[in-house]
Amino acid sequence: MKRLVYGLIILLAVLHHDWWWWDDSETLLLGFVPIGLAYHAAVSLTAALLWALAVKYCWPTDLGADDKTPAALPEGGRS
């Protein structure tokens, strides 16, 4: 799954550059949203979903495993 997520990250980085709609200011989505803006909104939502997948499947599971007890506060109770 990690390789798939890494591959999707690379694919999204490549697709982020929308040179095919760069000069298209006439095409509107839903009658008022420029196609380039709609495309970048979709890329942003896809990036958020991809980040959630990366956290779920690629994040190290043993991170902080040796921190069983919270750090003791210094005298006076303030850090």
N, C-alpha and C. Protein backbone atom coordinates (compact mmCIF):
# COMPACT_ATOMS: atom_id res chain seq x y z
N MET A 1 0.82 -1.20 0.00
CA MET A 1 0.00 0.00 0.00
C MET A 1 0.87 1.27 0.00
N LYS A 2 2.03 1.17 0.65
CA LYS A 2 2.92 2.33 0.70
C LYS A 2 3.35 2.75 -0.70
N ARG A 3 3.68 1.77 -1.53
CA ARG A 3 4.12 2.09 -2.89
C ARG A 3 3.00 2.76 -3.67
N LEU A 4 1.78 2.31 -3.48
CA LEU A 4 0.64 2.93 -4.16
C LEU A 4 0.47 4.38 -3.72
N VAL A 5 0.56 4.63 -2.43
CA VAL A 5 0.41 5.99 -1.91
C VAL A 5 1.54 6.87 -2.43
N TYR A 6 2.77 6.37 -2.42
CA TYR A 6 3.90 7.14 -2.93
C TYR A 6 3.73 7.43 -4.43
N GLY A 7 3.25 6.44 -5.16
CA GLY A 7 3.00 6.64 -6.58
C GLY A 7 1.91 7.67 -6.84
N LEU A 8 0.86 7.65 -6.02
CA LEU A 8 -0.21 8.64 -6.16
C LEU A 8 0.28 10.05 -5.83
N ILE A 9 1.19 10.16 -4.87
CA ILE A 9 1.76 11.47 -4.55
C ILE A 9 2.53 12.02 -5.75
N ILE A 10 3.33 11.16 -6.37
CA ILE A 10 4.09 11.60 -7.54
C ILE A 10 3.15 11.97 -8.68
N LEU A 11 2.12 11.14 -8.91
CA LEU A 11 1.15 11.43 -9.96
C LEU A 11 0.43 12.75 -9.70
N LEU A 12 0.04 13.00 -8.47
CA LEU A 12 -0.64 14.25 -8.14
C LEU A 12 0.29 15.45 -8.33
N ALA A 13 1.57 15.28 -8.01
CA ALA A 13 2.53 16.37 -8.23
C ALA A 13 2.65 16.70 -9.71
N VAL A 14 2.62 15.68 -10.55
CA VAL A 14 2.70 15.92 -12.00
C VAL A 14 1.40 16.54 -12.51
N LEU A 15 0.27 16.01 -12.07
CA LEU A 15 -1.02 16.52 -12.54
C LEU A 15 -1.37 17.90 -11.98
N HIS A 16 -0.67 18.31 -10.95
CA HIS A 16 -0.92 19.62 -10.35
C HIS A 16 -0.70 20.75 -11.35
N HIS A 17 0.23 20.56 -12.26
CA HIS A 17 0.53 21.58 -13.27
C HIS A 17 -0.39 21.40 -14.46
N ASP A 18 -1.42 22.20 -14.53
CA ASP A 18 -2.44 22.02 -15.57
C ASP A 18 -2.17 22.91 -16.77
N TRP A 19 -1.13 22.58 -17.52
CA TRP A 19 -0.80 23.40 -18.68
C TRP A 19 -1.87 23.31 -19.77
N TRP A 20 -2.75 22.34 -19.73
CA TRP A 20 -3.78 22.21 -20.75
C TRP A 20 -4.91 23.21 -20.56
N TRP A 21 -5.11 23.74 -19.36
CA TRP A 21 -6.14 24.75 -19.13
C TRP A 21 -5.54 26.10 -18.76
N TRP A 22 -4.27 26.27 -18.98
CA TRP A 22 -3.59 27.48 -18.55
C TRP A 22 -4.17 28.74 -19.19
N ASP A 23 -4.44 28.70 -20.47
CA ASP A 23 -4.93 29.88 -21.18
C ASP A 23 -6.44 29.87 -21.41
N ASP A 24 -7.16 28.92 -20.84
CA ASP A 24 -8.60 28.82 -21.07
C ASP A 24 -9.35 29.61 -20.00
N SER A 25 -9.74 30.82 -20.34
CA SER A 25 -10.49 31.65 -19.39
C SER A 25 -11.97 31.71 -19.75
N GLU A 26 -12.36 31.05 -20.80
CA GLU A 26 -13.75 31.12 -21.27
C GLU A 26 -14.61 29.97 -20.76
N THR A 27 -14.03 28.80 -20.52
CA THR A 27 -14.81 27.64 -20.09
C THR A 27 -15.16 27.78 -18.61
N LEU A 28 -16.46 27.72 -18.33
CA LEU A 28 -16.94 27.84 -16.96
C LEU A 28 -17.62 26.54 -16.54
N LEU A 29 -17.36 26.12 -15.32
CA LEU A 29 -18.00 24.95 -14.75
C LEU A 29 -19.17 25.44 -13.91
N LEU A 30 -20.32 24.83 -14.08
CA LEU A 30 -21.55 25.23 -13.39
C LEU A 30 -21.96 26.66 -13.75
N GLY A 31 -21.43 27.17 -14.82
CA GLY A 31 -21.82 28.48 -15.29
C GLY A 31 -21.08 29.66 -14.68
N PHE A 32 -20.23 29.44 -13.64
CA PHE A 32 -19.57 30.58 -13.02
C PHE A 32 -18.16 30.30 -12.51
N VAL A 33 -17.74 29.05 -12.44
CA VAL A 33 -16.41 28.72 -11.92
C VAL A 33 -15.47 28.47 -13.10
N PRO A 34 -14.40 29.24 -13.22
CA PRO A 34 -13.43 28.96 -14.28
C PRO A 34 -12.86 27.55 -14.15
N ILE A 35 -12.67 26.89 -15.28
CA ILE A 35 -12.26 25.49 -15.28
C ILE A 35 -10.93 25.28 -14.56
N GLY A 36 -10.01 26.22 -14.67
CA GLY A 36 -8.72 26.10 -13.98
C GLY A 36 -8.88 26.14 -12.47
N LEU A 37 -9.77 26.99 -11.99
CA LEU A 37 -10.02 27.08 -10.55
C LEU A 37 -10.70 25.81 -10.04
N ALA A 38 -11.64 25.30 -10.79
CA ALA A 38 -12.32 24.05 -10.41
C ALA A 38 -11.32 22.89 -10.38
N TYR A 39 -10.42 22.88 -11.36
CA TYR A 39 -9.40 21.83 -11.40
C TYR A 39 -8.51 21.88 -10.16
N HIS A 40 -8.07 23.08 -9.79
CA HIS A 40 -7.21 23.20 -8.61
C HIS A 40 -7.96 22.92 -7.31
N ALA A 41 -9.24 23.20 -7.27
CA ALA A 41 -10.04 22.82 -6.10
C ALA A 41 -10.10 21.29 -5.99
N ALA A 42 -10.28 20.62 -7.12
CA ALA A 42 -10.29 19.15 -7.12
C ALA A 42 -8.93 18.59 -6.73
N VAL A 43 -7.87 19.21 -7.19
CA VAL A 43 -6.52 18.76 -6.82
C VAL A 43 -6.31 18.95 -5.32
N SER A 44 -6.80 20.04 -4.75
CA SER A 44 -6.65 20.28 -3.31
C SER A 44 -7.41 19.25 -2.49
N LEU A 45 -8.63 18.93 -2.90
CA LEU A 45 -9.40 17.90 -2.19
C LEU A 45 -8.74 16.53 -2.32
N THR A 46 -8.21 16.24 -3.50
CA THR A 46 -7.50 14.98 -3.70
C THR A 46 -6.25 14.92 -2.84
N ALA A 47 -5.54 16.04 -2.71
CA ALA A 47 -4.35 16.08 -1.87
C ALA A 47 -4.70 15.82 -0.40
N ALA A 48 -5.81 16.35 0.05
CA ALA A 48 -6.24 16.11 1.44
C ALA A 48 -6.56 14.63 1.65
N LEU A 49 -7.24 14.02 0.70
CA LEU A 49 -7.55 12.59 0.79
C LEU A 49 -6.27 11.76 0.74
N LEU A 50 -5.36 12.14 -0.12
CA LEU A 50 -4.09 11.43 -0.24
C LEU A 50 -3.26 11.56 1.04
N TRP A 51 -3.31 12.71 1.67
CA TRP A 51 -2.60 12.89 2.94
C TRP A 51 -3.19 11.99 4.02
N ALA A 52 -4.51 11.85 4.04
CA ALA A 52 -5.15 10.95 5.00
C ALA A 52 -4.71 9.50 4.75
N LEU A 53 -4.61 9.10 3.48
CA LEU A 53 -4.13 7.76 3.16
C LEU A 53 -2.67 7.58 3.58
N ALA A 54 -1.86 8.61 3.37
CA ALA A 54 -0.46 8.53 3.77
C ALA A 54 -0.32 8.39 5.28
N VAL A 55 -1.13 9.10 6.03
CA VAL A 55 -1.07 9.00 7.49
C VAL A 55 -1.52 7.60 7.93
N LYS A 56 -2.56 7.08 7.30
CA LYS A 56 -3.08 5.77 7.70
C LYS A 56 -2.14 4.64 7.33
N TYR A 57 -1.55 4.66 6.14
CA TYR A 57 -0.80 3.52 5.66
C TYR A 57 0.72 3.70 5.68
N CYS A 58 1.22 4.90 5.75
CA CYS A 58 2.67 5.12 5.65
C CYS A 58 3.30 5.67 6.92
N TRP A 59 2.51 6.10 7.86
CA TRP A 59 3.05 6.67 9.09
C TRP A 59 3.68 5.56 9.92
N PRO A 60 4.84 5.80 10.53
CA PRO A 60 5.47 4.74 11.34
C PRO A 60 4.62 4.41 12.56
N THR A 61 4.44 3.11 12.82
CA THR A 61 3.60 2.68 13.93
C THR A 61 4.35 2.70 15.26
N ASP A 62 5.68 2.64 15.22
CA ASP A 62 6.44 2.59 16.46
C ASP A 62 6.90 3.96 16.94
N LEU A 63 6.39 5.00 16.36
CA LEU A 63 6.79 6.35 16.73
C LEU A 63 6.29 6.66 18.14
N GLY A 64 7.18 6.93 19.04
CA GLY A 64 6.82 7.27 20.41
C GLY A 64 6.48 6.07 21.26
N ALA A 65 6.85 4.88 20.84
CA ALA A 65 6.52 3.67 21.59
C ALA A 65 7.25 3.60 22.92
N ASP A 66 8.42 4.24 23.03
CA ASP A 66 9.17 4.18 24.28
C ASP A 66 8.75 5.27 25.26
N ASP A 67 7.82 6.13 24.90
CA ASP A 67 7.33 7.19 25.78
C ASP A 67 6.10 6.71 26.52
N LYS A 68 6.31 5.85 27.52
CA LYS A 68 5.19 5.27 28.26
C LYS A 68 4.63 6.22 29.32
N THR A 69 5.48 7.03 29.90
CA THR A 69 5.02 7.92 30.97
C THR A 69 5.20 9.37 30.52
N PRO A 70 4.29 10.23 30.95
CA PRO A 70 4.46 11.64 30.60
C PRO A 70 5.64 12.23 31.35
N ALA A 71 6.22 13.24 30.74
CA ALA A 71 7.37 13.90 31.36
C ALA A 71 6.94 14.58 32.66
N ALA A 72 7.81 14.50 33.65
CA ALA A 72 7.52 15.13 34.94
C ALA A 72 7.64 16.65 34.81
N LEU A 73 6.73 17.35 35.42
CA LEU A 73 6.78 18.81 35.40
C LEU A 73 7.83 19.30 36.39
N PRO A 74 8.49 20.38 36.08
CA PRO A 74 9.45 20.93 37.04
C PRO A 74 8.73 21.45 38.28
N GLU A 75 9.49 21.72 39.29
CA GLU A 75 8.89 22.18 40.55
C GLU A 75 8.07 23.44 40.32
N GLY A 76 6.91 23.49 40.88
CA GLY A 76 5.99 24.61 40.70
C GLY A 76 4.88 24.26 39.71
N GLY A 77 5.02 23.15 38.99
CA GLY A 77 3.96 22.69 38.12
C GLY A 77 3.89 23.36 36.77
N ARG A 78 4.85 24.18 36.45
CA ARG A 78 4.84 24.86 35.14
C ARG A 78 5.95 24.34 34.27
N SER A 79 5.68 24.34 32.99
CA SER A 79 6.72 23.88 32.07
C SER A 79 7.44 25.06 31.47
